[in-house]
Amino acid sequence: MSSITNPYTPAGEGRASEVEARVFDPKVWAVRYVEIPSNMQMRVEYSGYNALYLGYADSGLGISASGWLLQKYTYDASGRATLRQISYDSWDDRALTTYK
């Protein structure tokens, strides 16, 4: 049986830093990943019950200013999300920007 060690507490190097301890979750043996920080604003455009576009930006950034993290969702005929694409632009230009 192989020995698995916490990557944030290397053997012989002491304890993990406070930041390392906060991001590593030993219950699932993984690093927690937070996509959107809590100090950001979020906007959503819906079509019926489905979100078509989600946008995230620093609090206070205007909707016409570039710097928004934009997500575009595509749905199948049953209304299930099948594709999420990302771009960076202004919220106002969400329908015009190029997504990857």
N, C-alpha and C. Protein backbone atom coordinates (compact mmCIF):
# COMPACT_ATOMS: atom_id res chain seq x y z
N MET A 1 0.85 -1.18 0.00
CA MET A 1 0.00 0.00 0.00
C MET A 1 0.89 1.24 0.00
N SER A 2 0.60 2.18 -0.90
CA SER A 2 1.42 3.38 -0.98
C SER A 2 1.06 4.36 0.13
N SER A 3 2.03 5.14 0.48
CA SER A 3 1.83 6.14 1.53
C SER A 3 1.49 7.47 0.88
N ILE A 4 0.36 8.06 1.27
CA ILE A 4 -0.07 9.34 0.74
C ILE A 4 0.16 10.39 1.81
N THR A 5 0.79 11.49 1.43
CA THR A 5 1.02 12.56 2.40
C THR A 5 0.32 13.83 1.94
N ASN A 6 -0.04 14.65 2.89
CA ASN A 6 -0.66 15.94 2.60
C ASN A 6 0.38 16.81 1.90
N PRO A 7 0.11 17.28 0.68
CA PRO A 7 1.10 18.09 -0.04
C PRO A 7 1.39 19.42 0.64
N TYR A 8 0.56 19.81 1.57
CA TYR A 8 0.76 21.09 2.25
C TYR A 8 1.45 20.94 3.60
N THR A 9 1.83 19.74 3.96
CA THR A 9 2.64 19.53 5.15
C THR A 9 3.71 18.50 4.81
N PRO A 10 4.71 18.88 4.00
CA PRO A 10 5.76 17.94 3.61
C PRO A 10 6.47 17.38 4.83
N ALA A 11 6.83 16.11 4.75
CA ALA A 11 7.50 15.44 5.86
C ALA A 11 8.77 16.19 6.24
N GLY A 12 8.91 16.46 7.52
CA GLY A 12 10.11 17.11 8.02
C GLY A 12 10.17 18.61 7.83
N GLU A 13 9.14 19.21 7.26
CA GLU A 13 9.18 20.65 7.01
C GLU A 13 8.22 21.43 7.89
N GLY A 14 7.69 20.82 8.92
CA GLY A 14 6.84 21.56 9.84
C GLY A 14 5.39 21.62 9.40
N ARG A 15 4.69 22.57 9.97
CA ARG A 15 3.26 22.69 9.73
C ARG A 15 2.96 23.53 8.49
N ALA A 16 1.76 23.32 7.95
CA ALA A 16 1.32 24.11 6.80
C ALA A 16 1.08 25.55 7.23
N SER A 17 1.26 26.47 6.29
CA SER A 17 0.95 27.87 6.59
C SER A 17 -0.56 28.01 6.78
N GLU A 18 -0.97 29.15 7.29
CA GLU A 18 -2.40 29.39 7.52
C GLU A 18 -3.18 29.31 6.21
N VAL A 19 -2.65 29.89 5.14
CA VAL A 19 -3.33 29.86 3.84
C VAL A 19 -3.40 28.43 3.31
N GLU A 20 -2.30 27.70 3.39
CA GLU A 20 -2.29 26.31 2.92
C GLU A 20 -3.28 25.46 3.70
N ALA A 21 -3.37 25.67 5.00
CA ALA A 21 -4.30 24.91 5.82
C ALA A 21 -5.75 25.21 5.45
N ARG A 22 -6.04 26.45 5.05
CA ARG A 22 -7.41 26.81 4.69
C ARG A 22 -7.85 26.22 3.37
N VAL A 23 -6.94 26.03 2.41
CA VAL A 23 -7.36 25.55 1.09
C VAL A 23 -7.33 24.03 0.97
N PHE A 24 -6.60 23.35 1.83
CA PHE A 24 -6.53 21.89 1.74
C PHE A 24 -7.60 21.26 2.61
N ASP A 25 -8.41 20.38 2.02
CA ASP A 25 -9.48 19.70 2.75
C ASP A 25 -9.11 18.24 2.91
N PRO A 26 -8.67 17.82 4.10
CA PRO A 26 -8.22 16.44 4.28
C PRO A 26 -9.35 15.41 4.18
N LYS A 27 -10.61 15.84 4.32
CA LYS A 27 -11.73 14.89 4.21
C LYS A 27 -11.83 14.30 2.82
N VAL A 28 -11.55 15.12 1.81
CA VAL A 28 -11.62 14.64 0.43
C VAL A 28 -10.25 14.60 -0.22
N TRP A 29 -9.22 14.90 0.56
CA TRP A 29 -7.83 14.88 0.12
C TRP A 29 -7.64 15.71 -1.15
N ALA A 30 -8.13 16.95 -1.10
CA ALA A 30 -8.05 17.82 -2.26
C ALA A 30 -7.92 19.27 -1.81
N VAL A 31 -7.47 20.08 -2.73
CA VAL A 31 -7.39 21.51 -2.49
C VAL A 31 -8.72 22.13 -2.89
N ARG A 32 -9.29 22.94 -2.00
CA ARG A 32 -10.54 23.63 -2.32
C ARG A 32 -10.25 24.71 -3.35
N TYR A 33 -11.12 24.83 -4.33
CA TYR A 33 -10.96 25.84 -5.37
C TYR A 33 -12.21 26.70 -5.37
N VAL A 34 -12.03 27.98 -5.13
CA VAL A 34 -13.15 28.92 -5.13
C VAL A 34 -13.04 29.73 -6.40
N GLU A 35 -14.01 29.56 -7.29
CA GLU A 35 -13.94 30.21 -8.59
C GLU A 35 -14.18 31.71 -8.50
N ILE A 36 -15.16 32.12 -7.72
CA ILE A 36 -15.53 33.52 -7.64
C ILE A 36 -15.41 34.01 -6.20
N PRO A 37 -14.51 34.96 -5.95
CA PRO A 37 -14.39 35.49 -4.58
C PRO A 37 -15.67 36.17 -4.13
N SER A 38 -15.89 36.21 -2.84
CA SER A 38 -17.14 36.75 -2.30
C SER A 38 -17.21 38.27 -2.37
N ASN A 39 -16.12 38.94 -2.68
CA ASN A 39 -16.16 40.40 -2.77
C ASN A 39 -16.48 40.89 -4.18
N MET A 40 -17.04 40.03 -5.01
CA MET A 40 -17.36 40.40 -6.38
C MET A 40 -18.87 40.49 -6.57
N GLN A 41 -19.26 41.28 -7.54
CA GLN A 41 -20.67 41.36 -7.91
C GLN A 41 -20.96 40.35 -9.02
N MET A 42 -22.22 39.95 -9.13
CA MET A 42 -22.62 38.99 -10.14
C MET A 42 -23.88 39.49 -10.83
N ARG A 43 -23.94 39.31 -12.14
CA ARG A 43 -25.14 39.63 -12.92
C ARG A 43 -25.52 38.39 -13.71
N VAL A 44 -26.83 38.25 -14.00
CA VAL A 44 -27.33 37.09 -14.73
C VAL A 44 -28.36 37.55 -15.75
N GLU A 45 -28.29 36.98 -16.95
CA GLU A 45 -29.35 37.16 -17.96
C GLU A 45 -29.99 35.80 -18.17
N TYR A 46 -31.31 35.76 -18.06
CA TYR A 46 -32.06 34.51 -18.18
C TYR A 46 -32.85 34.46 -19.48
N SER A 47 -33.12 33.23 -19.91
CA SER A 47 -34.11 32.95 -20.93
C SER A 47 -35.03 31.91 -20.30
N GLY A 48 -36.21 32.32 -19.90
CA GLY A 48 -37.06 31.43 -19.12
C GLY A 48 -36.40 31.17 -17.78
N TYR A 49 -36.22 29.89 -17.43
CA TYR A 49 -35.56 29.53 -16.17
C TYR A 49 -34.06 29.30 -16.33
N ASN A 50 -33.56 29.33 -17.55
CA ASN A 50 -32.15 29.04 -17.79
C ASN A 50 -31.31 30.31 -17.85
N ALA A 51 -30.19 30.29 -17.16
CA ALA A 51 -29.23 31.40 -17.24
C ALA A 51 -28.49 31.30 -18.57
N LEU A 52 -28.54 32.36 -19.36
CA LEU A 52 -27.79 32.40 -20.62
C LEU A 52 -26.39 32.95 -20.40
N TYR A 53 -26.31 34.02 -19.61
CA TYR A 53 -25.03 34.66 -19.33
C TYR A 53 -24.90 34.92 -17.84
N LEU A 54 -23.71 34.67 -17.31
CA LEU A 54 -23.36 35.07 -15.95
C LEU A 54 -22.15 35.97 -16.06
N GLY A 55 -22.11 37.01 -15.25
CA GLY A 55 -20.98 37.91 -15.25
C GLY A 55 -20.52 38.20 -13.84
N TYR A 56 -19.20 38.25 -13.65
CA TYR A 56 -18.61 38.52 -12.34
C TYR A 56 -17.57 39.63 -12.51
N ALA A 57 -17.58 40.57 -11.57
CA ALA A 57 -16.61 41.67 -11.62
C ALA A 57 -16.39 42.20 -10.21
N ASP A 58 -15.31 42.96 -10.06
CA ASP A 58 -15.05 43.60 -8.78
C ASP A 58 -16.24 44.47 -8.40
N SER A 59 -16.53 44.51 -7.12
CA SER A 59 -17.62 45.36 -6.64
C SER A 59 -17.37 46.80 -7.09
N GLY A 60 -18.38 47.42 -7.63
CA GLY A 60 -18.26 48.81 -8.05
C GLY A 60 -17.88 49.00 -9.50
N LEU A 61 -17.45 47.94 -10.20
CA LEU A 61 -17.11 48.08 -11.62
C LEU A 61 -18.40 48.26 -12.41
N GLY A 62 -18.44 49.26 -13.27
CA GLY A 62 -19.64 49.54 -14.06
C GLY A 62 -19.90 48.47 -15.10
N ILE A 63 -21.16 48.36 -15.53
CA ILE A 63 -21.52 47.31 -16.48
C ILE A 63 -20.97 47.57 -17.88
N SER A 64 -20.57 48.80 -18.18
CA SER A 64 -19.99 49.09 -19.49
C SER A 64 -18.46 49.03 -19.47
N ALA A 65 -17.86 48.83 -18.30
CA ALA A 65 -16.40 48.74 -18.19
C ALA A 65 -15.93 47.33 -18.50
N SER A 66 -14.79 47.22 -19.19
CA SER A 66 -14.24 45.88 -19.42
C SER A 66 -13.64 45.38 -18.11
N GLY A 67 -13.47 44.09 -18.01
CA GLY A 67 -12.95 43.50 -16.78
C GLY A 67 -13.91 42.52 -16.16
N TRP A 68 -15.01 42.24 -16.84
CA TRP A 68 -15.97 41.25 -16.36
C TRP A 68 -15.56 39.85 -16.81
N LEU A 69 -15.65 38.88 -15.91
CA LEU A 69 -15.53 37.47 -16.27
C LEU A 69 -16.92 37.05 -16.70
N LEU A 70 -17.06 36.69 -17.97
CA LEU A 70 -18.37 36.34 -18.54
C LEU A 70 -18.44 34.85 -18.82
N GLN A 71 -19.60 34.27 -18.55
CA GLN A 71 -19.84 32.87 -18.86
C GLN A 71 -21.11 32.79 -19.70
N LYS A 72 -21.01 32.08 -20.81
CA LYS A 72 -22.15 31.88 -21.70
C LYS A 72 -22.53 30.40 -21.65
N TYR A 73 -23.82 30.12 -21.45
CA TYR A 73 -24.31 28.75 -21.34
C TYR A 73 -25.13 28.37 -22.56
N THR A 74 -24.94 27.14 -23.03
CA THR A 74 -25.72 26.57 -24.12
C THR A 74 -26.49 25.38 -23.57
N TYR A 75 -27.73 25.23 -24.01
CA TYR A 75 -28.63 24.19 -23.49
C TYR A 75 -29.11 23.28 -24.61
N ASP A 76 -29.41 22.02 -24.27
CA ASP A 76 -29.99 21.11 -25.25
C ASP A 76 -31.51 21.30 -25.27
N ALA A 77 -32.19 20.51 -26.09
CA ALA A 77 -33.64 20.64 -26.25
C ALA A 77 -34.41 20.36 -24.96
N SER A 78 -33.80 19.62 -24.03
CA SER A 78 -34.44 19.32 -22.75
C SER A 78 -34.18 20.39 -21.69
N GLY A 79 -33.41 21.41 -22.05
CA GLY A 79 -33.11 22.48 -21.11
C GLY A 79 -31.94 22.20 -20.20
N ARG A 80 -31.13 21.19 -20.53
CA ARG A 80 -29.95 20.87 -19.72
C ARG A 80 -28.73 21.61 -20.28
N ALA A 81 -27.94 22.18 -19.40
CA ALA A 81 -26.72 22.88 -19.83
C ALA A 81 -25.76 21.87 -20.45
N THR A 82 -25.27 22.19 -21.64
CA THR A 82 -24.36 21.29 -22.35
C THR A 82 -22.99 21.92 -22.59
N LEU A 83 -22.90 23.24 -22.47
CA LEU A 83 -21.64 23.92 -22.76
C LEU A 83 -21.56 25.21 -21.96
N ARG A 84 -20.39 25.45 -21.37
CA ARG A 84 -20.11 26.73 -20.71
C ARG A 84 -18.87 27.30 -21.36
N GLN A 85 -18.98 28.53 -21.86
CA GLN A 85 -17.85 29.20 -22.50
C GLN A 85 -17.51 30.46 -21.71
N ILE A 86 -16.24 30.86 -21.77
CA ILE A 86 -15.72 31.96 -20.96
C ILE A 86 -15.19 33.07 -21.86
N SER A 87 -15.35 34.31 -21.41
CA SER A 87 -14.76 35.46 -22.07
C SER A 87 -14.53 36.55 -21.03
N TYR A 88 -13.75 37.55 -21.40
CA TYR A 88 -13.52 38.72 -20.55
C TYR A 88 -13.87 39.95 -21.36
N ASP A 89 -14.82 40.73 -20.89
CA ASP A 89 -15.28 41.92 -21.60
C ASP A 89 -16.17 42.71 -20.65
N SER A 90 -16.99 43.60 -21.18
CA SER A 90 -17.95 44.33 -20.34
C SER A 90 -19.26 43.55 -20.31
N TRP A 91 -20.03 43.77 -19.26
CA TRP A 91 -21.34 43.11 -19.17
C TRP A 91 -22.23 43.55 -20.33
N ASP A 92 -22.15 44.82 -20.70
CA ASP A 92 -22.97 45.33 -21.81
C ASP A 92 -22.67 44.62 -23.13
N ASP A 93 -21.44 44.15 -23.32
CA ASP A 93 -21.05 43.50 -24.58
C ASP A 93 -21.08 41.98 -24.51
N ARG A 94 -21.76 41.42 -23.53
CA ARG A 94 -21.77 39.97 -23.32
C ARG A 94 -22.27 39.19 -24.53
N ALA A 95 -23.23 39.74 -25.28
CA ALA A 95 -23.77 39.02 -26.44
C ALA A 95 -22.90 39.20 -27.68
N LEU A 96 -21.97 40.15 -27.66
CA LEU A 96 -21.16 40.46 -28.83
C LEU A 96 -19.75 39.90 -28.76
N THR A 97 -19.27 39.60 -27.57
CA THR A 97 -17.88 39.18 -27.39
C THR A 97 -17.66 37.76 -27.90
N THR A 98 -16.41 37.39 -28.09
CA THR A 98 -16.05 36.04 -28.53
C THR A 98 -15.79 35.17 -27.31
N TYR A 99 -16.45 34.03 -27.25
CA TYR A 99 -16.30 33.09 -26.14
C TYR A 99 -15.45 31.92 -26.56
N LYS A 100 -14.71 31.36 -25.60
CA LYS A 100 -13.88 30.18 -25.86
C LYS A 100 -14.27 29.07 -24.93
